[in-house]
Every structure is written in C-alpha cells, then in structure tokens.
Amino acid sequence: MSTPAPLRLAILISGRGSNMAAIAHACRERRIAAEVAVVLSERPEAQGLTVARELGLDARAIAWPGAARRAEFERAATAVLEETGVQLIVLAGF
C-alpha cells in the first residue's frame, strides 16, 4: 500500500512565526503528514518571514494597507495559493 502524498500547507503569519516554525519542524519530522508550500504574511517586516526563509521555506509578504484594499489582498493571496498548489491553509497567528 502506497503512502499518500503529504498535504500542501500555506501558513499565514503576522509576527514572530513561532507557531509556523513548530509546524514546519513537525512536517519535516513527519509528525504531520504535510509539507509547507508557502508562508504568507500581510506584514513585510514580520520576523516570521525571516524565520521561514532560514528554514528554507518559500516566504512571501503581501502588504495589506487597510480594509479598503482587502479585496486586492485577497486576490493576491489567492493567486499565490493557487500557484503553489496549496491544499490547506493554516492561520498561525494571522
């Protein structure tokens, strides 16, 4: 019996990324049957993006300048999720 392919995760963060890092480590240690496809933040300065990059993950920021441009943020985020083949979105402090 073959092992199913791991779920492709998008982890959305806003700050330090401690939850994201814990999830990424659990995936690498195969404690979670998933792989991190992308880490997204609405804050380009979020420390968690640096942490994600240090872990070798695809880390991207999509600036969200305010509620008036929420639809623009959602379109950009959706495009990244589709591009990276994400199957499950994890809100880790987002």
PDB file of N, CA and C in Angstrom:
ATOM      1  N   MET A   1       0.848  -1.172   0.000  1.00  0.00           N
ATOM      2  CA  MET A   1       0.000   0.000   0.000  1.00  0.00           C
ATOM      3  C   MET A   1       0.895   1.237   0.000  1.00  0.00           C
ATOM      4  N   SER A   2       0.639   2.155  -0.904  1.00  0.00           N
ATOM      5  CA  SER A   2       1.478   3.349  -1.008  1.00  0.00           C
ATOM      6  C   SER A   2       1.036   4.409   0.003  1.00  0.00           C
ATOM      7  N   THR A   3       2.002   5.206   0.392  1.00  0.00           N
ATOM      8  CA  THR A   3       1.738   6.302   1.320  1.00  0.00           C
ATOM      9  C   THR A   3       1.163   7.475   0.543  1.00  0.00           C
ATOM     10  N   PRO A   4       0.068   8.053   1.012  1.00  0.00           N
ATOM     11  CA  PRO A   4      -0.492   9.204   0.292  1.00  0.00           C
ATOM     12  C   PRO A   4       0.472  10.388   0.324  1.00  0.00           C
ATOM     13  N   ALA A   5       0.388  11.203  -0.701  1.00  0.00           N
ATOM     14  CA  ALA A   5       1.223  12.407  -0.762  1.00  0.00           C
ATOM     15  C   ALA A   5       0.855  13.325   0.399  1.00  0.00           C
ATOM     16  N   PRO A   6       1.846  14.006   0.967  1.00  0.00           N
ATOM     17  CA  PRO A   6       1.544  14.920   2.074  1.00  0.00           C
ATOM     18  C   PRO A   6       0.703  16.103   1.602  1.00  0.00           C
ATOM     19  N   LEU A   7      -0.134  16.600   2.485  1.00  0.00           N
ATOM     20  CA  LEU A   7      -0.915  17.804   2.191  1.00  0.00           C
ATOM     21  C   LEU A   7       0.021  18.988   2.024  1.00  0.00           C
ATOM     22  N   ARG A   8      -0.296  19.848   1.078  1.00  0.00           N
ATOM     23  CA  ARG A   8       0.496  21.062   0.854  1.00  0.00           C
ATOM     24  C   ARG A   8      -0.138  22.200   1.653  1.00  0.00           C
ATOM     25  N   LEU A   9       0.628  22.744   2.599  1.00  0.00           N
ATOM     26  CA  LEU A   9       0.133  23.777   3.501  1.00  0.00           C
ATOM     27  C   LEU A   9       0.585  25.171   3.094  1.00  0.00           C
ATOM     28  N   ALA A  10      -0.291  26.129   3.338  1.00  0.00           N
ATOM     29  CA  ALA A  10       0.086  27.542   3.380  1.00  0.00           C
ATOM     30  C   ALA A  10      -0.071  27.942   4.834  1.00  0.00           C
ATOM     31  N   ILE A  11       0.957  28.561   5.381  1.00  0.00           N
ATOM     32  CA  ILE A  11       0.880  29.033   6.759  1.00  0.00           C
ATOM     33  C   ILE A  11       0.864  30.551   6.720  1.00  0.00           C
ATOM     34  N   LEU A  12      -0.206  31.145   7.243  1.00  0.00           N
ATOM     35  CA  LEU A  12      -0.345  32.601   7.278  1.00  0.00           C
ATOM     36  C   LEU A  12       0.056  33.102   8.656  1.00  0.00           C
ATOM     37  N   ILE A  13       0.957  34.087   8.663  1.00  0.00           N
ATOM     38  CA  ILE A  13       1.507  34.615   9.907  1.00  0.00           C
ATOM     39  C   ILE A  13       1.420  36.138   9.916  1.00  0.00           C
ATOM     40  N   SER A  14       1.632  36.715  11.086  1.00  0.00           N
ATOM     41  CA  SER A  14       1.702  38.173  11.207  1.00  0.00           C
ATOM     42  C   SER A  14       2.911  38.638  11.998  1.00  0.00           C
ATOM     43  N   GLY A  15       3.471  37.765  12.808  1.00  0.00           N
ATOM     44  CA  GLY A  15       4.528  38.207  13.715  1.00  0.00           C
ATOM     45  C   GLY A  15       5.773  37.356  13.683  1.00  0.00           C
ATOM     46  N   ARG A  16       6.139  36.828  14.859  1.00  0.00           N
ATOM     47  CA  ARG A  16       7.415  36.134  15.029  1.00  0.00           C
ATOM     48  C   ARG A  16       7.498  34.794  14.312  1.00  0.00           C
ATOM     49  N   GLY A  17       6.371  34.145  14.107  1.00  0.00           N
ATOM     50  CA  GLY A  17       6.380  32.879  13.385  1.00  0.00           C
ATOM     51  C   GLY A  17       6.709  31.665  14.227  1.00  0.00           C
ATOM     52  N   SER A  18       6.544  31.760  15.544  1.00  0.00           N
ATOM     53  CA  SER A  18       6.883  30.615  16.396  1.00  0.00           C
ATOM     54  C   SER A  18       5.972  29.416  16.122  1.00  0.00           C
ATOM     55  N   ASN A  19       4.687  29.656  15.920  1.00  0.00           N
ATOM     56  CA  ASN A  19       3.776  28.554  15.594  1.00  0.00           C
ATOM     57  C   ASN A  19       4.111  27.968  14.229  1.00  0.00           C
ATOM     58  N   MET A  20       4.416  28.827  13.257  1.00  0.00           N
ATOM     59  CA  MET A  20       4.792  28.376  11.922  1.00  0.00           C
ATOM     60  C   MET A  20       6.027  27.495  11.987  1.00  0.00           C
ATOM     61  N   ALA A  21       7.027  27.911  12.759  1.00  0.00           N
ATOM     62  CA  ALA A  21       8.264  27.133  12.874  1.00  0.00           C
ATOM     63  C   ALA A  21       7.985  25.765  13.489  1.00  0.00           C
ATOM     64  N   ALA A  22       7.136  25.721  14.504  1.00  0.00           N
ATOM     65  CA  ALA A  22       6.789  24.443  15.132  1.00  0.00           C
ATOM     66  C   ALA A  22       6.094  23.520  14.138  1.00  0.00           C
ATOM     67  N   ILE A  23       5.199  24.071  13.334  1.00  0.00           N
ATOM     68  CA  ILE A  23       4.503  23.274  12.321  1.00  0.00           C
ATOM     69  C   ILE A  23       5.491  22.788  11.267  1.00  0.00           C
ATOM     70  N   ALA A  24       6.378  23.661  10.815  1.00  0.00           N
ATOM     71  CA  ALA A  24       7.371  23.282   9.804  1.00  0.00           C
ATOM     72  C   ALA A  24       8.267  22.156  10.313  1.00  0.00           C
ATOM     73  N   HIS A  25       8.704  22.261  11.565  1.00  0.00           N
ATOM     74  CA  HIS A  25       9.549  21.202  12.139  1.00  0.00           C
ATOM     75  C   HIS A  25       8.772  19.888  12.240  1.00  0.00           C
ATOM     76  N   ALA A  26       7.514  19.955  12.644  1.00  0.00           N
ATOM     77  CA  ALA A  26       6.694  18.747  12.743  1.00  0.00           C
ATOM     78  C   ALA A  26       6.508  18.093  11.377  1.00  0.00           C
ATOM     79  N   CYS A  27       6.369  18.907  10.343  1.00  0.00           N
ATOM     80  CA  CYS A  27       6.257  18.359   8.985  1.00  0.00           C
ATOM     81  C   CYS A  27       7.554  17.664   8.587  1.00  0.00           C
ATOM     82  N   ARG A  28       8.674  18.312   8.844  1.00  0.00           N
ATOM     83  CA  ARG A  28       9.980  17.736   8.477  1.00  0.00           C
ATOM     84  C   ARG A  28      10.265  16.441   9.235  1.00  0.00           C
ATOM     85  N   GLU A  29       9.794  16.373  10.458  1.00  0.00           N
ATOM     86  CA  GLU A  29      10.000  15.174  11.279  1.00  0.00           C
ATOM     87  C   GLU A  29       8.918  14.128  11.016  1.00  0.00           C
ATOM     88  N   ARG A  30       8.039  14.402  10.075  1.00  0.00           N
ATOM     89  CA  ARG A  30       6.948  13.518   9.665  1.00  0.00           C
ATOM     90  C   ARG A  30       5.957  13.211  10.794  1.00  0.00           C
ATOM     91  N   ARG A  31       5.863  14.152  11.738  1.00  0.00           N
ATOM     92  CA  ARG A  31       4.836  14.032  12.776  1.00  0.00           C
ATOM     93  C   ARG A  31       3.504  14.544  12.256  1.00  0.00           C
ATOM     94  N   ILE A  32       3.556  15.324  11.185  1.00  0.00           N
ATOM     95  CA  ILE A  32       2.370  15.804  10.483  1.00  0.00           C
ATOM     96  C   ILE A  32       2.537  15.379   9.031  1.00  0.00           C
ATOM     97  N   ALA A  33       1.518  14.772   8.459  1.00  0.00           N
ATOM     98  CA  ALA A  33       1.587  14.303   7.071  1.00  0.00           C
ATOM     99  C   ALA A  33       1.317  15.461   6.120  1.00  0.00           C
ATOM    100  N   ALA A  34       2.249  16.415   6.128  1.00  0.00           N
ATOM    101  CA  ALA A  34       2.076  17.618   5.316  1.00  0.00           C
ATOM    102  C   ALA A  34       3.445  18.197   4.997  1.00  0.00           C
ATOM    103  N   GLU A  35       3.448  19.127   4.035  1.00  0.00           N
ATOM    104  CA  GLU A  35       4.649  19.889   3.714  1.00  0.00           C
ATOM    105  C   GLU A  35       4.243  21.350   3.581  1.00  0.00           C
ATOM    106  N   VAL A  36       5.133  22.240   3.961  1.00  0.00           N
ATOM    107  CA  VAL A  36       4.843  23.666   3.883  1.00  0.00           C
ATOM    108  C   VAL A  36       5.168  24.135   2.468  1.00  0.00           C
ATOM    109  N   ALA A  37       4.125  24.525   1.744  1.00  0.00           N
ATOM    110  CA  ALA A  37       4.308  25.001   0.372  1.00  0.00           C
ATOM    111  C   ALA A  37       4.695  26.473   0.350  1.00  0.00           C
ATOM    112  N   VAL A  38       4.133  27.252   1.273  1.00  0.00           N
ATOM    113  CA  VAL A  38       4.406  28.691   1.299  1.00  0.00           C
ATOM    114  C   VAL A  38       4.027  29.258   2.666  1.00  0.00           C
ATOM    115  N   VAL A  39       4.754  30.284   3.068  1.00  0.00           N
ATOM    116  CA  VAL A  39       4.427  31.059   4.266  1.00  0.00           C
ATOM    117  C   VAL A  39       4.083  32.462   3.787  1.00  0.00           C
ATOM    118  N   LEU A  40       2.919  32.953   4.190  1.00  0.00           N
ATOM    119  CA  LEU A  40       2.458  34.280   3.780  1.00  0.00           C
ATOM    120  C   LEU A  40       2.248  35.179   4.992  1.00  0.00           C
ATOM    121  N   SER A  41       2.539  36.461   4.796  1.00  0.00           N
ATOM    122  CA  SER A  41       2.250  37.454   5.825  1.00  0.00           C
ATOM    123  C   SER A  41       1.748  38.726   5.163  1.00  0.00           C
ATOM    124  N   GLU A  42       0.890  39.437   5.859  1.00  0.00           N
ATOM    125  CA  GLU A  42       0.436  40.746   5.378  1.00  0.00           C
ATOM    126  C   GLU A  42       1.390  41.844   5.829  1.00  0.00           C
ATOM    127  N   ARG A  43       2.398  41.467   6.600  1.00  0.00           N
ATOM    128  CA  ARG A  43       3.378  42.426   7.124  1.00  0.00           C
ATOM    129  C   ARG A  43       4.767  42.088   6.575  1.00  0.00           C
ATOM    130  N   PRO A  44       5.268  42.861   5.621  1.00  0.00           N
ATOM    131  CA  PRO A  44       6.584  42.571   5.041  1.00  0.00           C
ATOM    132  C   PRO A  44       7.708  42.517   6.075  1.00  0.00           C
ATOM    133  N   GLU A  45       7.533  43.207   7.206  1.00  0.00           N
ATOM    134  CA  GLU A  45       8.573  43.237   8.238  1.00  0.00           C
ATOM    135  C   GLU A  45       8.425  42.120   9.271  1.00  0.00           C
ATOM    136  N   ALA A  46       7.466  41.232   9.095  1.00  0.00           N
ATOM    137  CA  ALA A  46       7.226  40.170  10.074  1.00  0.00           C
ATOM    138  C   ALA A  46       8.472  39.303  10.251  1.00  0.00           C
ATOM    139  N   GLN A  47       8.892  39.150  11.481  1.00  0.00           N
ATOM    140  CA  GLN A  47      10.077  38.355  11.800  1.00  0.00           C
ATOM    141  C   GLN A  47       9.913  36.910  11.333  1.00  0.00           C
ATOM    142  N   GLY A  48       8.686  36.420  11.331  1.00  0.00           N
ATOM    143  CA  GLY A  48       8.428  35.046  10.914  1.00  0.00           C
ATOM    144  C   GLY A  48       8.816  34.764   9.476  1.00  0.00           C
ATOM    145  N   LEU A  49       8.792  35.782   8.617  1.00  0.00           N
ATOM    146  CA  LEU A  49       9.229  35.579   7.232  1.00  0.00           C
ATOM    147  C   LEU A  49      10.718  35.255   7.188  1.00  0.00           C
ATOM    148  N   THR A  50      11.492  35.924   8.017  1.00  0.00           N
ATOM    149  CA  THR A  50      12.929  35.627   8.103  1.00  0.00           C
ATOM    150  C   THR A  50      13.144  34.217   8.635  1.00  0.00           C
ATOM    151  N   VAL A  51      12.391  33.852   9.660  1.00  0.00           N
ATOM    152  CA  VAL A  51      12.485  32.502  10.226  1.00  0.00           C
ATOM    153  C   VAL A  51      12.158  31.470   9.148  1.00  0.00           C
ATOM    154  N   ALA A  52      11.091  31.705   8.394  1.00  0.00           N
ATOM    155  CA  ALA A  52      10.699  30.771   7.336  1.00  0.00           C
ATOM    156  C   ALA A  52      11.808  30.625   6.296  1.00  0.00           C
ATOM    157  N   ARG A  53      12.383  31.735   5.897  1.00  0.00           N
ATOM    158  CA  ARG A  53      13.472  31.678   4.905  1.00  0.00           C
ATOM    159  C   ARG A  53      14.672  30.920   5.456  1.00  0.00           C
ATOM    160  N   GLU A  54      14.971  31.124   6.726  1.00  0.00           N
ATOM    161  CA  GLU A  54      16.078  30.392   7.359  1.00  0.00           C
ATOM    162  C   GLU A  54      15.811  28.892   7.378  1.00  0.00           C
ATOM    163  N   LEU A  55      14.545  28.507   7.392  1.00  0.00           N
ATOM    164  CA  LEU A  55      14.158  27.098   7.338  1.00  0.00           C
ATOM    165  C   LEU A  55      14.093  26.584   5.899  1.00  0.00           C
ATOM    166  N   GLY A  56      14.386  27.456   4.949  1.00  0.00           N
ATOM    167  CA  GLY A  56      14.370  27.063   3.544  1.00  0.00           C
ATOM    168  C   GLY A  56      12.989  27.049   2.922  1.00  0.00           C
ATOM    169  N   LEU A  57      12.049  27.747   3.536  1.00  0.00           N
ATOM    170  CA  LEU A  57      10.673  27.773   3.042  1.00  0.00           C
ATOM    171  C   LEU A  57      10.449  28.964   2.123  1.00  0.00           C
ATOM    172  N   ASP A  58       9.496  28.820   1.232  1.00  0.00           N
ATOM    173  CA  ASP A  58       9.050  29.913   0.368  1.00  0.00           C
ATOM    174  C   ASP A  58       8.261  30.873   1.253  1.00  0.00           C
ATOM    175  N   ALA A  59       8.788  32.060   1.475  1.00  0.00           N
ATOM    176  CA  ALA A  59       8.161  33.034   2.374  1.00  0.00           C
ATOM    177  C   ALA A  59       7.884  34.312   1.603  1.00  0.00           C
ATOM    178  N   ARG A  60       6.641  34.766   1.641  1.00  0.00           N
ATOM    179  CA  ARG A  60       6.231  35.937   0.868  1.00  0.00           C
ATOM    180  C   ARG A  60       5.375  36.875   1.704  1.00  0.00           C
ATOM    181  N   ALA A  61       5.493  38.152   1.374  1.00  0.00           N
ATOM    182  CA  ALA A  61       4.662  39.169   2.018  1.00  0.00           C
ATOM    183  C   ALA A  61       3.756  39.792   0.976  1.00  0.00           C
ATOM    184  N   ILE A  62       2.523  39.995   1.367  1.00  0.00           N
ATOM    185  CA  ILE A  62       1.562  40.724   0.545  1.00  0.00           C
ATOM    186  C   ILE A  62       1.041  41.839   1.433  1.00  0.00           C
ATOM    187  N   ALA A  63       1.531  43.041   1.214  1.00  0.00           N
ATOM    188  CA  ALA A  63       1.156  44.169   2.066  1.00  0.00           C
ATOM    189  C   ALA A  63      -0.350  44.407   2.003  1.00  0.00           C
ATOM    190  N   TRP A  64      -0.932  44.620   3.165  1.00  0.00           N
ATOM    191  CA  TRP A  64      -2.370  44.893   3.275  1.00  0.00           C
ATOM    192  C   TRP A  64      -2.490  46.270   3.904  1.00  0.00           C
ATOM    193  N   PRO A  65      -2.598  47.306   3.070  1.00  0.00           N
ATOM    194  CA  PRO A  65      -2.567  48.675   3.580  1.00  0.00           C
ATOM    195  C   PRO A  65      -3.821  49.116   4.323  1.00  0.00           C
ATOM    196  N   GLY A  66      -4.853  48.332   4.322  1.00  0.00           N
ATOM    197  CA  GLY A  66      -6.051  48.719   5.056  1.00  0.00           C
ATOM    198  C   GLY A  66      -7.279  48.009   4.537  1.00  0.00           C
ATOM    199  N   ALA A  67      -8.359  48.133   5.268  1.00  0.00           N
ATOM    200  CA  ALA A  67      -9.586  47.425   4.935  1.00  0.00           C
ATOM    201  C   ALA A  67     -10.122  47.799   3.565  1.00  0.00           C
ATOM    202  N   ALA A  68      -9.877  49.022   3.129  1.00  0.00           N
ATOM    203  CA  ALA A  68     -10.391  49.468   1.833  1.00  0.00           C
ATOM    204  C   ALA A  68      -9.803  48.657   0.687  1.00  0.00           C
ATOM    205  N   ARG A  69      -8.639  48.045   0.917  1.00  0.00           N
ATOM    206  CA  ARG A  69      -7.992  47.286  -0.143  1.00  0.00           C
ATOM    207  C   ARG A  69      -7.962  45.791   0.166  1.00  0.00           C
ATOM    208  N   ARG A  70      -8.871  45.362   1.000  1.00  0.00           N
ATOM    209  CA  ARG A  70      -8.930  43.950   1.379  1.00  0.00           C
ATOM    210  C   ARG A  70      -9.101  43.051   0.166  1.00  0.00           C
ATOM    211  N   ALA A  71      -9.951  43.426  -0.768  1.00  0.00           N
ATOM    212  CA  ALA A  71     -10.181  42.599  -1.956  1.00  0.00           C
ATOM    213  C   ALA A  71      -8.895  42.420  -2.755  1.00  0.00           C
ATOM    214  N   GLU A  72      -8.090  43.471  -2.815  1.00  0.00           N
ATOM    215  CA  GLU A  72      -6.804  43.390  -3.522  1.00  0.00           C
ATOM    216  C   GLU A  72      -5.877  42.376  -2.833  1.00  0.00           C
ATOM    217  N   PHE A  73      -5.824  42.432  -1.523  1.00  0.00           N
ATOM    218  CA  PHE A  73      -5.020  41.472  -0.764  1.00  0.00           C
ATOM    219  C   PHE A  73      -5.519  40.053  -1.016  1.00  0.00           C
ATOM    220  N   GLU A  74      -6.829  39.860  -0.945  1.00  0.00           N
ATOM    221  CA  GLU A  74      -7.399  38.525  -1.131  1.00  0.00           C
ATOM    222  C   GLU A  74      -7.097  37.977  -2.519  1.00  0.00           C
ATOM    223  N   ARG A  75      -7.167  38.823  -3.548  1.00  0.00           N
ATOM    224  CA  ARG A  75      -6.834  38.370  -4.909  1.00  0.00           C
ATOM    225  C   ARG A  75      -5.375  37.941  -4.991  1.00  0.00           C
ATOM    226  N   ALA A  76      -4.483  38.748  -4.430  1.00  0.00           N
ATOM    227  CA  ALA A  76      -3.052  38.430  -4.475  1.00  0.00           C
ATOM    228  C   ALA A  76      -2.752  37.147  -3.694  1.00  0.00           C
ATOM    229  N   ALA A  77      -3.351  37.005  -2.524  1.00  0.00           N
ATOM    230  CA  ALA A  77      -3.130  35.803  -1.715  1.00  0.00           C
ATOM    231  C   ALA A  77      -3.667  34.566  -2.428  1.00  0.00           C
ATOM    232  N   THR A  78      -4.840  34.676  -3.027  1.00  0.00           N
ATOM    233  CA  THR A  78      -5.418  33.553  -3.763  1.00  0.00           C
ATOM    234  C   THR A  78      -4.512  33.129  -4.908  1.00  0.00           C
ATOM    235  N   ALA A  79      -3.935  34.086  -5.605  1.00  0.00           N
ATOM    236  CA  ALA A  79      -3.026  33.772  -6.713  1.00  0.00           C
ATOM    237  C   ALA A  79      -1.817  32.981  -6.211  1.00  0.00           C
ATOM    238  N   VAL A  80      -1.256  33.375  -5.076  1.00  0.00           N
ATOM    239  CA  VAL A  80      -0.104  32.657  -4.509  1.00  0.00           C
ATOM    240  C   VAL A  80      -0.521  31.249  -4.091  1.00  0.00           C
ATOM    241  N   LEU A  81      -1.673  31.117  -3.466  1.00  0.00           N
ATOM    242  CA  LEU A  81      -2.147  29.807  -3.020  1.00  0.00           C
ATOM    243  C   LEU A  81      -2.351  28.871  -4.207  1.00  0.00           C
ATOM    244  N   GLU A  82      -2.920  29.386  -5.277  1.00  0.00           N
ATOM    245  CA  GLU A  82      -3.119  28.567  -6.474  1.00  0.00           C
ATOM    246  C   GLU A  82      -1.785  28.212  -7.121  1.00  0.00           C
ATOM    247  N   GLU A  83      -0.887  29.179  -7.209  1.00  0.00           N
ATOM    248  CA  GLU A  83       0.435  28.968  -7.819  1.00  0.00           C
ATOM    249  C   GLU A  83       1.226  27.878  -7.100  1.00  0.00           C
ATOM    250  N   THR A  84       1.109  27.823  -5.792  1.00  0.00           N
ATOM    251  CA  THR A  84       1.896  26.885  -5.001  1.00  0.00           C
ATOM    252  C   THR A  84       1.170  25.566  -4.717  1.00  0.00           C
ATOM    253  N   GLY A  85      -0.033  25.409  -5.227  1.00  0.00           N
ATOM    254  CA  GLY A  85      -0.755  24.149  -5.085  1.00  0.00           C
ATOM    255  C   GLY A  85      -1.175  23.824  -3.665  1.00  0.00           C
ATOM    256  N   VAL A  86      -1.512  24.841  -2.913  1.00  0.00           N
ATOM    257  CA  VAL A  86      -1.896  24.666  -1.509  1.00  0.00           C
ATOM    258  C   VAL A  86      -3.225  23.922  -1.407  1.00  0.00           C
ATOM    259  N   GLN A  87      -3.271  22.995  -0.452  1.00  0.00           N
ATOM    260  CA  GLN A  87      -4.494  22.234  -0.186  1.00  0.00           C
ATOM    261  C   GLN A  87      -5.145  22.614   1.143  1.00  0.00           C
ATOM    262  N   LEU A  88      -4.345  23.177   2.042  1.00  0.00           N
ATOM    263  CA  LEU A  88      -4.857  23.514   3.366  1.00  0.00           C
ATOM    264  C   LEU A  88      -4.180  24.793   3.845  1.00  0.00           C
ATOM    265  N   ILE A  89      -4.977  25.715   4.370  1.00  0.00           N
ATOM    266  CA  ILE A  89      -4.463  26.986   4.885  1.00  0.00           C
ATOM    267  C   ILE A  89      -4.473  26.928   6.408  1.00  0.00           C
ATOM    268  N   VAL A  90      -3.327  27.265   7.005  1.00  0.00           N
ATOM    269  CA  VAL A  90      -3.185  27.273   8.458  1.00  0.00           C
ATOM    270  C   VAL A  90      -3.009  28.719   8.907  1.00  0.00           C
ATOM    271  N   LEU A  91      -3.902  29.185   9.767  1.00  0.00           N
ATOM    272  CA  LEU A  91      -3.785  30.533  10.321  1.00  0.00           C
ATOM    273  C   LEU A  91      -3.001  30.422  11.622  1.00  0.00           C
ATOM    274  N   ALA A  92      -1.720  30.758  11.552  1.00  0.00           N
ATOM    275  CA  ALA A  92      -0.827  30.621  12.704  1.00  0.00           C
ATOM    276  C   ALA A  92      -0.459  32.011  13.207  1.00  0.00           C
ATOM    277  N   GLY A  93      -1.390  32.625  13.925  1.00  0.00           N
ATOM    278  CA  GLY A  93      -1.167  33.975  14.414  1.00  0.00           C
ATOM    279  C   GLY A  93      -1.542  35.051  13.419  1.00  0.00           C
ATOM    280  N   PHE A  94      -2.240  34.695  12.379  1.00  0.00           N
ATOM    281  CA  PHE A  94      -2.641  35.655  11.348  1.00  0.00           C
ATOM    282  C   PHE A  94      -3.929  36.315  11.766  1.00  0.00           C
TER     283      PHE A  94
END
